[in-house]
């Protein structure tokens, strides 16, 4: 409530009283208002302050002590205080420096919020959900607003000074919510705007590694980030950017490209060093033999480092005379030292084609001489596919027994029902094509062709008997007589049969071109 300071009767009758009455009668001080005064006395518990009225005010002396307990004022200092109340019994005015500071702080905070500014404060403690910050008054900093990145530990922020944005302010409730992230974003935005104005392609800048990813490194150039792609880090091949730098490292980079529309900055590190290809002219002559190290394997070949920053490619077809490699890793490993022949060299295009198989004699040149068509050859089953079986015959190339050459009559669904990997088979050489690198073999030609007998003795709808010799995914293979076999397709088996069981059959299909000799059970037999 308002406090009216009135002169005493004695003062009214004196000249001093008249002056006081003239000057102060109309002066009204409200509780909660700010007043200025001078410290006239310091006791153990209070600071006595002259605020220009009949009574002096008192302030708890602890309000003038700093965190170390030291007094921050002395007699004669002028201070601004908040008038709390008048003690009518003793005639003392109770003042507060802390509350005055809080009032001034609130006024300042309101102005800062209205101007979208930032406030400086000190983190004083950690509480559930965030931090307590002293910005003249106590304010709350939520954990989600501490930094632009997730924060794992809050302890490192306690006792440190930062800038903050004011998210919420309610003076009546004494509630303030801050955001350090907002202040950081604002500062970064200002720095970014200033930095972008000076960005020029070809410029060399000092930066700090901010983040390392699989595809490159993000570099802080002082308010703006640029991407140093892994391909622009070194003239030599590297597997991962972490091989060259870590977060926090200082790094000199060149501005390769700046897109003003997207504000994307592409950086280069290798461009600060001489391009090794400029010294490659005349060093890699076609036909020359050269050594290198395997640095990468892909589905289509192997990259060989011939000199720092210079690589050549051995296409998968040039690794071995045996073209049946599914992947270069079947013949080469990363880090392996190899020799190769330079097949082609284009310095301008930065391409060097290499060959490894050319270091050994071409087996196709002597294959037909050593293994003429019609001769027999033995080999180990190296691979089985849907279309046939590959044999390693020890001649430098694999021979293929096509599915159509596995048997005169196809009584199976897949070649793996005829051959097993690692098994040794004998076959007949049926074709050698060096130009297309084809070495064709036949397993069925080790046996007489049965189709003349089948067509003459087992026409369609002929009744016959046979014994089950095997069962597979296609059905039941039955032996009629004299080595003639046919297939009862699984769809035509109306009952379960066993190996060795004799069956009464009827010829259903005779097709030499499709190699089909299909039978069905004779349902008319009791």
Protein backbone atom coordinates (compact mmCIF):
# COMPACT_ATOMS: atom_id res chain seq x y z
CA UNK A 1 0.00 0.00 0.00
CA UNK A 2 1.23 3.62 -0.43
CA UNK A 3 3.37 5.00 2.43
CA UNK A 4 3.04 8.76 3.06
CA UNK A 5 6.02 10.25 4.91
CA UNK A 6 4.74 13.11 7.13
CA UNK A 7 6.95 15.54 9.18
CA UNK A 8 6.68 15.54 12.99
CA UNK A 9 4.97 18.41 14.87
CA UNK A 10 8.32 19.72 16.00
CA UNK A 11 9.61 19.65 12.43
CA UNK A 12 6.54 21.52 11.21
CA UNK A 13 7.26 24.43 13.61
CA UNK A 14 10.87 24.74 12.44
CA UNK A 15 12.29 26.15 9.28
CA UNK A 16 13.53 22.69 8.44
CA UNK A 17 10.03 21.36 8.95
CA UNK A 18 8.59 23.93 6.65
CA UNK A 19 11.01 23.00 3.91
CA UNK A 20 10.43 19.29 4.49
CA UNK A 21 6.71 19.83 4.46
CA UNK A 22 6.90 21.79 1.24
CA UNK A 23 9.10 19.24 -0.52
CA UNK A 24 7.97 15.90 0.87
CA UNK A 25 4.35 16.19 1.88
CA UNK A 26 3.21 15.19 -1.58
CA UNK A 27 5.84 12.51 -2.10
CA UNK A 28 4.30 9.06 -2.02
CA UNK A 29 6.32 5.83 -2.04
CA UNK A 30 4.55 2.58 -2.83
CA UNK A 31 5.58 -0.72 -1.41
CA UNK A 32 7.40 -2.67 -4.08
CA UNK A 33 8.82 0.43 -5.77
CA UNK A 34 12.51 1.04 -6.39
CA UNK A 35 14.40 3.72 -4.45
CA UNK A 36 17.97 4.94 -4.49
CA UNK A 37 20.04 5.49 -1.38
CA UNK A 38 23.51 5.75 0.15
CA UNK A 39 25.00 3.27 2.61
CA UNK A 40 25.74 5.11 5.84
CA UNK A 41 26.51 2.25 8.17
CA UNK A 42 27.46 -1.43 7.98
CA UNK A 43 26.74 -3.69 10.96
CA UNK A 44 27.12 -7.44 11.35
CA UNK A 45 23.56 -8.08 10.22
CA UNK A 46 22.38 -5.01 8.33
CA UNK A 47 23.41 -2.27 5.97
CA UNK A 48 21.84 1.07 6.97
CA UNK A 49 20.82 3.12 3.95
CA UNK A 50 19.83 6.79 3.73
CA UNK A 51 17.09 7.06 1.12
CA UNK A 52 16.42 10.77 1.77
CA UNK A 53 13.48 10.41 4.15
CA UNK A 54 13.01 10.92 7.87
CA UNK A 55 13.82 7.28 8.59
CA UNK A 56 16.73 5.32 7.33
CA UNK A 57 16.23 1.97 5.72
CA UNK A 58 17.92 -1.31 6.48
CA UNK A 59 18.98 -4.15 4.23
CA UNK A 60 20.23 -7.59 5.38
CA UNK A 61 23.97 -7.40 4.88
CA UNK A 62 24.03 -10.90 3.39
CA UNK A 63 22.37 -9.47 0.28
CA UNK A 64 25.59 -7.56 -0.42
CA UNK A 65 27.85 -10.62 -0.18
CA UNK A 66 29.11 -12.56 -3.21
CA UNK A 67 29.33 -16.34 -3.55
CA UNK A 68 32.58 -16.33 -1.58
CA UNK A 69 30.96 -14.43 1.30
CA UNK A 70 32.81 -11.17 0.60
CA UNK A 71 31.09 -7.79 0.92
CA UNK A 72 30.61 -6.08 -2.40
CA UNK A 73 29.84 -2.59 -1.01
CA UNK A 74 31.24 -0.11 1.47
CA UNK A 75 30.02 2.97 3.36
CA UNK A 76 29.26 5.79 0.94
CA UNK A 77 28.24 3.53 -1.98
CA UNK A 78 25.00 4.39 -3.76
CA UNK A 79 22.63 1.49 -4.29
CA UNK A 80 19.21 0.87 -5.80
CA UNK A 81 16.81 -1.05 -3.59
CA UNK A 82 13.22 -2.20 -3.36
CA UNK A 83 11.06 -0.79 -0.55
CA UNK A 84 9.37 -3.76 1.07
CA UNK A 85 7.48 -2.13 3.98
CA UNK A 86 7.55 0.44 6.81
CA UNK A 87 7.89 -0.81 10.37
CA UNK A 88 5.50 1.56 12.17
CA UNK A 89 6.66 0.61 15.67
CA UNK A 90 10.34 1.32 15.14
CA UNK A 91 10.03 3.76 12.25
CA UNK A 92 12.36 1.68 10.07
CA UNK A 93 11.99 1.16 6.36
CA UNK A 94 12.74 -2.42 5.21
CA UNK A 95 14.60 -2.59 1.92
CA UNK A 96 15.88 -5.39 -0.30
CA UNK A 97 18.70 -5.47 -2.79
CA UNK A 98 17.85 -9.00 -4.00
CA UNK A 99 14.27 -8.05 -4.80
CA UNK A 100 15.44 -4.87 -6.52
CA UNK A 101 17.79 -6.91 -8.66
CA UNK A 102 14.96 -9.31 -9.47
CA UNK A 103 12.63 -6.46 -10.51
CA UNK A 104 15.30 -4.97 -12.74
CA UNK A 105 16.10 -8.42 -14.13
CA UNK A 106 12.45 -9.07 -15.00
CA UNK A 107 12.20 -5.71 -16.77
CA UNK A 108 15.35 -6.52 -18.73
CA UNK A 109 14.10 -10.01 -19.60
CA UNK A 110 10.79 -8.67 -20.86
CA UNK A 111 12.61 -6.24 -23.16
CA UNK A 112 14.92 -9.02 -24.41
CA UNK A 113 11.99 -11.30 -25.19
CA UNK A 114 10.13 -8.52 -27.00
CA UNK A 115 13.19 -7.77 -29.14
CA UNK A 116 13.86 -11.50 -29.81
CA UNK A 117 17.28 -11.12 -28.25
CA UNK A 118 19.45 -13.41 -26.14
CA UNK A 119 20.26 -13.28 -22.46
CA UNK A 120 23.46 -14.32 -20.72
CA UNK A 121 23.26 -16.61 -17.70
CA UNK A 122 25.13 -19.09 -15.56
CA UNK A 123 24.01 -22.69 -15.08
CA UNK A 124 23.77 -23.13 -11.29
CA UNK A 125 22.42 -26.64 -10.82
CA UNK A 126 20.95 -29.77 -12.37
CA UNK A 127 17.34 -30.78 -11.73
CA UNK A 128 14.94 -33.36 -13.11
CA UNK A 129 14.37 -32.69 -16.78
CA UNK A 130 17.02 -30.02 -17.24
CA UNK A 131 19.08 -27.27 -15.64
CA UNK A 132 18.57 -24.21 -13.42
CA UNK A 133 20.05 -21.03 -14.88
CA UNK A 134 20.70 -17.70 -13.12
CA UNK A 135 19.80 -14.85 -15.49
CA UNK A 136 19.26 -12.37 -12.65
CA UNK A 137 16.40 -14.60 -11.54
CA UNK A 138 16.22 -18.38 -11.60
CA UNK A 139 15.05 -19.87 -14.91
CA UNK A 140 14.53 -23.40 -16.24
CA UNK A 141 16.47 -24.86 -19.19
CA UNK A 142 14.82 -28.10 -20.47
CA UNK A 143 17.18 -30.93 -21.44
CA UNK A 144 15.83 -30.88 -25.01
CA UNK A 145 16.84 -27.21 -25.36
CA UNK A 146 20.44 -27.49 -24.13
CA UNK A 147 22.13 -28.12 -27.47
CA UNK A 148 21.42 -28.71 -31.16
CA UNK A 149 22.51 -32.32 -30.66
CA UNK A 150 21.27 -34.77 -27.99
CA UNK A 151 23.07 -34.30 -24.66
CA UNK A 152 24.17 -37.33 -22.66
CA UNK A 153 25.55 -35.64 -19.53
CA UNK A 154 24.22 -32.44 -17.94
CA UNK A 155 27.00 -32.17 -15.35
CA UNK A 156 29.48 -30.59 -17.76
CA UNK A 157 27.23 -27.52 -18.13
CA UNK A 158 26.97 -26.67 -14.42
CA UNK A 159 28.95 -23.55 -13.46
CA UNK A 160 29.40 -22.39 -17.06
CA UNK A 161 28.14 -19.21 -18.70
CA UNK A 162 26.09 -19.33 -21.93
CA UNK A 163 23.67 -17.29 -24.03
CA UNK A 164 19.99 -18.25 -24.12
CA UNK A 165 16.78 -17.48 -25.96
CA UNK A 166 13.67 -16.90 -23.85
CA UNK A 167 10.96 -19.39 -24.80
CA UNK A 168 8.39 -18.52 -22.12
CA UNK A 169 8.15 -15.71 -19.57
CA UNK A 170 5.40 -15.28 -16.95
CA UNK A 171 6.29 -12.52 -14.50
CA UNK A 172 3.18 -13.03 -12.36
CA UNK A 173 4.02 -16.68 -11.76
CA UNK A 174 7.76 -16.12 -11.72
CA UNK A 175 8.21 -18.67 -14.50
CA UNK A 176 10.96 -18.47 -17.18
CA UNK A 177 11.84 -21.18 -19.72
CA UNK A 178 15.07 -20.82 -21.71
CA UNK A 179 16.64 -22.40 -24.79
CA UNK A 180 20.35 -22.56 -25.37
CA UNK A 181 19.70 -24.43 -28.64
CA UNK A 182 17.76 -21.44 -29.94
CA UNK A 183 20.64 -19.10 -29.13
CA UNK A 184 23.13 -21.45 -30.76
CA UNK A 185 20.96 -21.68 -33.87
CA UNK A 186 20.70 -17.90 -34.01
CA UNK A 187 24.45 -17.44 -33.56
CA UNK A 188 25.15 -20.08 -36.18
CA UNK A 189 22.68 -18.44 -38.54
CA UNK A 190 24.50 -15.12 -38.22
CA UNK A 191 27.88 -16.78 -38.64
CA UNK A 192 26.63 -18.76 -41.62
CA UNK A 193 25.30 -15.65 -43.35
CA UNK A 194 28.61 -13.87 -42.83
CA UNK A 195 30.65 -16.88 -43.93
CA UNK A 196 28.64 -17.47 -47.12
CA UNK A 197 29.30 -13.93 -48.27
CA UNK A 198 33.03 -14.72 -48.43
CA UNK A 199 32.84 -18.20 -49.99
CA UNK A 200 34.57 -18.49 -53.38
CA UNK A 201 35.34 -21.52 -55.51
CA UNK A 202 39.04 -22.36 -55.45
CA UNK A 203 39.47 -20.76 -52.03
CA UNK A 204 41.51 -22.68 -49.42
CA UNK A 205 40.16 -22.52 -45.86
CA UNK A 206 40.95 -23.93 -42.45
CA UNK A 207 38.11 -25.90 -40.89
CA UNK A 208 37.22 -28.35 -38.16
CA UNK A 209 35.90 -31.87 -38.75
CA UNK A 210 32.32 -31.85 -37.45
CA UNK A 211 31.09 -35.30 -38.47
CA UNK A 212 32.44 -38.41 -40.21
CA UNK A 213 30.11 -40.59 -42.30
CA UNK A 214 30.55 -43.53 -44.68
CA UNK A 215 30.42 -41.22 -47.69
CA UNK A 216 32.52 -38.31 -46.47
CA UNK A 217 33.33 -35.70 -43.85
CA UNK A 218 31.38 -32.60 -42.82
CA UNK A 219 33.70 -29.67 -42.12
CA UNK A 220 32.81 -26.57 -40.10
CA UNK A 221 34.25 -23.59 -41.97
CA UNK A 222 33.31 -21.09 -39.27
CA UNK A 223 29.53 -20.90 -39.26
CA UNK A 224 28.89 -22.90 -42.40
CA UNK A 225 29.39 -26.60 -43.14
CA UNK A 226 30.85 -28.13 -46.27
CA UNK A 227 30.99 -31.75 -47.44
CA UNK A 228 34.32 -33.34 -48.19
CA UNK A 229 33.29 -36.42 -50.18
CA UNK A 230 35.35 -39.58 -49.73
CA UNK A 231 36.37 -39.47 -53.41
CA UNK A 232 37.91 -36.02 -52.91
CA UNK A 233 39.91 -36.89 -49.81
CA UNK A 234 42.86 -38.67 -51.43
CA UNK A 235 44.18 -39.50 -54.86
CA UNK A 236 44.67 -43.02 -53.48
CA UNK A 237 41.67 -45.22 -52.70
CA UNK A 238 40.51 -45.27 -49.08
CA UNK A 239 37.90 -47.60 -47.62
CA UNK A 240 36.43 -45.14 -45.09
CA UNK A 241 36.89 -41.42 -44.31
CA UNK A 242 37.87 -42.30 -40.72
CA UNK A 243 41.19 -43.55 -42.11
CA UNK A 244 42.21 -39.92 -42.67
CA UNK A 245 40.51 -37.80 -40.01
CA UNK A 246 38.46 -37.77 -36.82
CA UNK A 247 35.86 -35.44 -35.31
CA UNK A 248 37.56 -32.32 -33.96
CA UNK A 249 40.60 -32.46 -36.29
CA UNK A 250 41.70 -29.24 -37.96
CA UNK A 251 41.85 -29.58 -41.73
CA UNK A 252 42.75 -27.41 -44.75
CA UNK A 253 40.34 -27.83 -47.66
CA UNK A 254 39.62 -26.26 -51.03
CA UNK A 255 36.18 -24.95 -52.07
CA UNK A 256 35.39 -27.02 -55.17
CA UNK A 257 31.83 -25.88 -55.73
CA UNK A 258 29.33 -23.55 -54.07
CA UNK A 259 25.64 -23.66 -55.00
CA UNK A 260 24.09 -20.35 -53.95
CA UNK A 261 20.55 -21.72 -54.38
CA UNK A 262 20.94 -24.71 -52.06
CA UNK A 263 23.89 -23.21 -50.11
CA UNK A 264 25.72 -26.53 -50.52
CA UNK A 265 29.48 -26.42 -50.41
CA UNK A 266 31.63 -29.19 -51.91
CA UNK A 267 35.16 -29.46 -50.55
CA UNK A 268 38.36 -31.09 -51.72
CA UNK A 269 41.45 -32.25 -49.88
CA UNK A 270 43.34 -34.16 -52.55
CA UNK A 271 43.20 -31.08 -54.78
CA UNK A 272 45.77 -29.45 -52.49
CA UNK A 273 48.30 -32.02 -53.72
CA UNK A 274 49.62 -32.70 -57.20
CA UNK A 275 47.48 -34.97 -59.36
CA UNK A 276 49.53 -38.19 -59.81
CA UNK A 277 48.03 -38.76 -63.26
CA UNK A 278 49.94 -35.74 -64.56
CA UNK A 279 53.13 -37.77 -64.08
CA UNK A 280 51.74 -41.03 -65.53
CA UNK A 281 52.46 -40.31 -69.20
CA UNK A 282 54.85 -42.93 -70.61
CA UNK A 283 54.99 -45.00 -67.41
CA UNK A 284 52.34 -47.59 -68.33
CA UNK A 285 53.03 -48.78 -71.85
CA UNK A 286 50.63 -51.24 -73.50
CA UNK A 287 52.05 -54.77 -73.30
CA UNK A 288 54.36 -53.98 -70.40
CA UNK A 289 54.42 -56.12 -67.28
CA UNK A 290 53.71 -54.29 -64.03
CA UNK A 291 53.26 -55.04 -60.33
CA UNK A 292 50.56 -53.67 -58.06
CA UNK A 293 48.36 -54.27 -55.03
CA UNK A 294 44.70 -55.27 -55.09
CA UNK A 295 42.81 -52.42 -53.38
CA UNK A 296 39.19 -53.22 -54.25
CA UNK A 297 37.04 -56.04 -55.60
CA UNK A 298 33.74 -55.51 -57.42
CA UNK A 299 31.35 -57.80 -59.26
CA UNK A 300 32.95 -56.80 -62.56
CA UNK A 301 36.64 -56.89 -61.65
CA UNK A 302 39.54 -55.93 -59.40
CA UNK A 303 41.21 -52.54 -58.99
CA UNK A 304 45.00 -52.67 -58.75
CA UNK A 305 47.01 -49.76 -57.30
CA UNK A 306 50.01 -49.30 -59.62
CA UNK A 307 51.35 -46.14 -57.94
CA UNK A 308 50.02 -43.80 -55.21
CA UNK A 309 46.76 -42.42 -56.62
CA UNK A 310 46.86 -44.46 -59.84
CA UNK A 311 44.78 -47.62 -60.27
CA UNK A 312 44.15 -50.04 -63.10
CA UNK A 313 41.21 -52.38 -63.61
CA UNK A 314 41.44 -56.10 -64.25
CA UNK A 315 38.07 -57.06 -65.67
CA UNK A 316 36.72 -60.36 -64.35
CA UNK A 317 37.06 -61.82 -67.83
CA UNK A 318 40.80 -60.99 -67.80
CA UNK A 319 41.63 -62.66 -64.47
CA UNK A 320 41.63 -66.27 -65.65
CA UNK A 321 41.32 -68.15 -68.91
CA UNK A 322 38.56 -69.98 -67.13
CA UNK A 323 35.63 -67.59 -67.63
CA UNK A 324 33.47 -69.34 -65.07
CA UNK A 325 34.52 -67.06 -62.18
CA UNK A 326 31.41 -65.72 -60.45
CA UNK A 327 33.35 -63.06 -58.57
CA UNK A 328 36.98 -61.82 -58.56
CA UNK A 329 37.25 -62.89 -54.92
CA UNK A 330 37.45 -66.48 -56.15
CA UNK A 331 40.92 -65.70 -57.48
CA UNK A 332 42.12 -62.51 -55.72
CA UNK A 333 42.07 -60.90 -52.26
CA UNK A 334 42.33 -57.26 -51.17
CA UNK A 335 45.94 -56.44 -50.24
CA UNK A 336 47.39 -59.15 -52.49
CA UNK A 337 50.46 -58.25 -54.56
CA UNK A 338 49.93 -59.23 -58.20
CA UNK A 339 51.55 -58.95 -61.61
CA UNK A 340 49.58 -57.91 -64.66
CA UNK A 341 49.93 -56.92 -68.29
CA UNK A 342 48.90 -53.43 -69.43
CA UNK A 343 46.17 -54.03 -72.02
CA UNK A 344 45.22 -50.38 -72.61
CA UNK A 345 46.15 -46.97 -71.15
CA UNK A 346 44.16 -43.75 -71.52
CA UNK A 347 45.76 -41.04 -69.35
CA UNK A 348 43.20 -38.38 -70.32
CA UNK A 349 40.32 -40.63 -69.23
CA UNK A 350 42.31 -41.89 -66.20
CA UNK A 351 41.81 -45.50 -67.25
CA UNK A 352 44.28 -48.36 -67.37
CA UNK A 353 43.05 -51.79 -68.42
CA UNK A 354 45.02 -54.74 -67.09
CA UNK A 355 45.10 -58.47 -67.69
CA UNK A 356 46.34 -61.24 -65.42
CA UNK A 357 45.49 -64.33 -67.46
CA UNK A 358 47.81 -63.10 -70.22
CA UNK A 359 50.77 -63.96 -67.95
CA UNK A 360 50.10 -67.67 -68.61
CA UNK A 361 49.81 -69.54 -71.94
CA UNK A 362 46.41 -69.45 -73.59
CA UNK A 363 45.02 -73.00 -73.13
CA UNK A 364 42.59 -72.48 -76.02
CA UNK A 365 45.49 -72.46 -78.46
CA UNK A 366 46.44 -76.08 -77.68
CA UNK A 367 43.16 -77.50 -76.37
CA UNK A 368 41.91 -79.03 -79.65
CA UNK A 369 45.35 -80.52 -80.31
CA UNK A 370 45.51 -82.27 -76.93
CA UNK A 371 41.79 -83.08 -76.66
CA UNK A 372 40.27 -83.48 -80.14
CA UNK A 373 36.53 -83.71 -80.70
CA UNK A 374 35.36 -87.28 -80.05
CA UNK A 375 38.05 -88.04 -77.49
CA UNK A 376 37.25 -88.97 -73.92
CA UNK A 377 38.32 -86.79 -71.00
CA UNK A 378 37.96 -87.04 -67.22
CA UNK A 379 37.28 -84.20 -64.83
CA UNK A 380 36.00 -83.19 -61.42
CA UNK A 381 32.57 -81.61 -61.09
CA UNK A 382 33.38 -78.03 -60.13
CA UNK A 383 29.95 -76.44 -60.40
CA UNK A 384 26.36 -77.43 -61.12
CA UNK A 385 23.84 -74.99 -62.60
CA UNK A 386 20.30 -75.16 -63.96
CA UNK A 387 21.67 -75.55 -67.48
CA UNK A 388 24.45 -78.07 -66.91
CA UNK A 389 27.56 -79.35 -65.18
CA UNK A 390 31.06 -77.79 -65.30
CA UNK A 391 34.04 -80.13 -65.23
CA UNK A 392 37.59 -79.16 -64.27
CA UNK A 393 39.57 -81.35 -66.60
CA UNK A 394 42.99 -79.92 -65.70
CA UNK A 395 43.45 -78.24 -69.06
CA UNK A 396 43.18 -74.61 -67.91
CA UNK A 397 39.52 -74.17 -68.83
CA UNK A 398 36.32 -75.82 -67.63
CA UNK A 399 34.26 -78.05 -69.88
CA UNK A 400 30.46 -77.79 -69.87
CA UNK A 401 28.16 -80.77 -70.05
CA UNK A 402 24.93 -79.10 -71.09
CA UNK A 403 21.71 -80.47 -69.58
CA UNK A 404 20.81 -81.80 -73.01
CA UNK A 405 24.04 -83.85 -73.08
CA UNK A 406 23.69 -85.40 -69.64
CA UNK A 407 21.37 -88.24 -70.75
CA UNK A 408 19.60 -89.42 -73.90
CA UNK A 409 16.35 -89.46 -71.96
CA UNK A 410 15.82 -86.73 -69.40
CA UNK A 411 14.44 -88.58 -66.42
CA UNK A 412 15.31 -85.77 -63.96
CA UNK A 413 14.37 -82.20 -63.09
CA UNK A 414 17.80 -80.74 -62.32
CA UNK A 415 21.40 -81.67 -63.24
CA UNK A 416 22.24 -82.09 -59.55
CA UNK A 417 20.18 -85.32 -59.67
CA UNK A 418 22.68 -86.72 -62.15
CA UNK A 419 26.03 -85.36 -60.83
CA UNK A 420 27.44 -84.35 -57.45
CA UNK A 421 29.95 -81.56 -56.79
CA UNK A 422 33.48 -83.01 -56.40
CA UNK A 423 32.54 -86.20 -58.23
CA UNK A 424 34.84 -87.44 -61.01
CA UNK A 425 33.13 -87.99 -64.36
CA UNK A 426 34.23 -89.15 -67.78
CA UNK A 427 32.82 -87.38 -70.82
CA UNK A 428 33.23 -87.08 -74.57
CA UNK A 429 34.56 -83.89 -76.21
CA UNK A 430 31.84 -82.68 -78.61
CA UNK A 431 32.94 -79.13 -79.48
CA UNK A 432 35.85 -76.67 -79.01
CA UNK A 433 35.27 -73.02 -79.92
CA UNK A 434 38.40 -70.94 -79.03
CA UNK A 435 36.91 -67.73 -80.42
CA UNK A 436 33.94 -67.84 -78.06
CA UNK A 437 35.89 -69.81 -75.45
CA UNK A 438 33.48 -72.76 -75.32
CA UNK A 439 34.56 -76.29 -74.40
CA UNK A 440 31.54 -78.60 -74.74
CA UNK A 441 31.38 -82.13 -73.36
CA UNK A 442 28.80 -84.91 -73.40
CA UNK A 443 27.98 -87.57 -70.84
CA UNK A 444 25.21 -89.27 -72.80
CA UNK A 445 27.52 -90.12 -75.73
CA UNK A 446 29.30 -92.64 -73.55
CA UNK A 447 26.12 -94.73 -74.07
CA UNK A 448 24.36 -95.88 -77.27
CA UNK A 449 21.47 -93.74 -78.49
CA UNK A 450 18.28 -95.58 -77.40
CA UNK A 451 15.78 -93.53 -79.37
CA UNK A 452 15.64 -95.83 -82.41
CA UNK A 453 14.73 -98.71 -80.09
CA UNK A 454 12.24 -96.59 -78.12
CA UNK A 455 10.44 -95.38 -81.23
CA UNK A 456 10.23 -98.83 -82.80
CA UNK A 457 9.36 -100.90 -79.72
CA UNK A 458 7.49 -98.42 -77.52
CA UNK A 459 5.14 -96.30 -79.57
CA UNK A 460 2.53 -94.19 -77.79
CA UNK A 461 -0.18 -96.15 -75.85
CA UNK A 462 1.95 -99.32 -75.86
CA UNK A 463 1.58 -101.40 -72.70
CA UNK A 464 4.71 -102.61 -70.95
CA UNK A 465 6.23 -103.54 -67.60
CA UNK A 466 9.16 -102.03 -65.76
CA UNK A 467 10.94 -101.85 -62.42
CA UNK A 468 11.45 -98.66 -60.43
CA UNK A 469 15.22 -97.93 -60.37
CA UNK A 470 15.14 -94.50 -58.68
CA UNK A 471 12.89 -91.75 -57.39
CA UNK A 472 13.55 -88.02 -57.82
CA UNK A 473 11.72 -84.71 -57.94
CA UNK A 474 10.55 -85.45 -61.49
CA UNK A 475 8.93 -88.76 -60.61
CA UNK A 476 9.81 -92.47 -60.80
CA UNK A 477 12.51 -93.69 -63.19
CA UNK A 478 11.65 -97.17 -64.50
CA UNK A 479 13.83 -99.68 -66.35
CA UNK A 480 11.93 -101.49 -69.13
CA UNK A 481 14.68 -103.76 -70.53
CA UNK A 482 18.04 -103.62 -72.30
CA UNK A 483 18.97 -100.31 -70.64
CA UNK A 484 15.86 -98.52 -71.84
CA UNK A 485 14.54 -96.19 -69.09
CA UNK A 486 11.52 -93.97 -68.94
CA UNK A 487 9.92 -91.59 -66.49
CA UNK A 488 6.57 -91.83 -64.76
CA UNK A 489 6.01 -88.12 -63.97
CA UNK A 490 5.08 -87.38 -60.38
CA UNK A 491 1.69 -86.07 -61.55
CA UNK A 492 0.92 -89.50 -63.08
CA UNK A 493 1.74 -91.49 -59.94
CA UNK A 494 -1.67 -92.32 -58.54
CA UNK A 495 -0.09 -94.37 -55.77
CA UNK A 496 3.11 -94.46 -53.76
CA UNK A 497 5.82 -96.61 -55.33
CA UNK A 498 9.16 -97.89 -54.09
CA UNK A 499 12.53 -98.60 -55.68
CA UNK A 500 12.53 -102.19 -57.02
CA UNK A 501 8.76 -102.32 -57.36
CA UNK A 502 7.44 -103.72 -60.64
CA UNK A 503 4.82 -101.66 -62.42
CA UNK A 504 2.39 -102.21 -65.27
CA UNK A 505 2.77 -99.20 -67.57
CA UNK A 506 1.43 -97.49 -70.66
CA UNK A 507 3.60 -95.30 -72.94
CA UNK A 508 2.28 -91.74 -72.82
CA UNK A 509 4.87 -89.52 -74.60
CA UNK A 510 7.69 -90.26 -77.06
CA UNK A 511 9.59 -87.06 -78.01
CA UNK A 512 13.28 -87.51 -79.03
CA UNK A 513 13.82 -83.77 -79.56
CA UNK A 514 12.63 -82.91 -76.06
CA UNK A 515 14.26 -86.13 -74.74
CA UNK A 516 10.96 -87.12 -73.15
CA UNK A 517 9.94 -90.76 -72.79
CA UNK A 518 7.04 -90.58 -70.33
CA UNK A 519 4.95 -93.46 -69.01
CA UNK A 520 1.89 -93.76 -66.82
CA UNK A 521 0.49 -96.48 -64.61
CA UNK A 522 -1.79 -98.98 -66.37
CA UNK A 523 -4.97 -98.41 -64.35
CA UNK A 524 -6.85 -101.22 -66.21
CA UNK A 525 -4.74 -103.93 -64.60
CA UNK A 526 -6.37 -105.50 -61.54
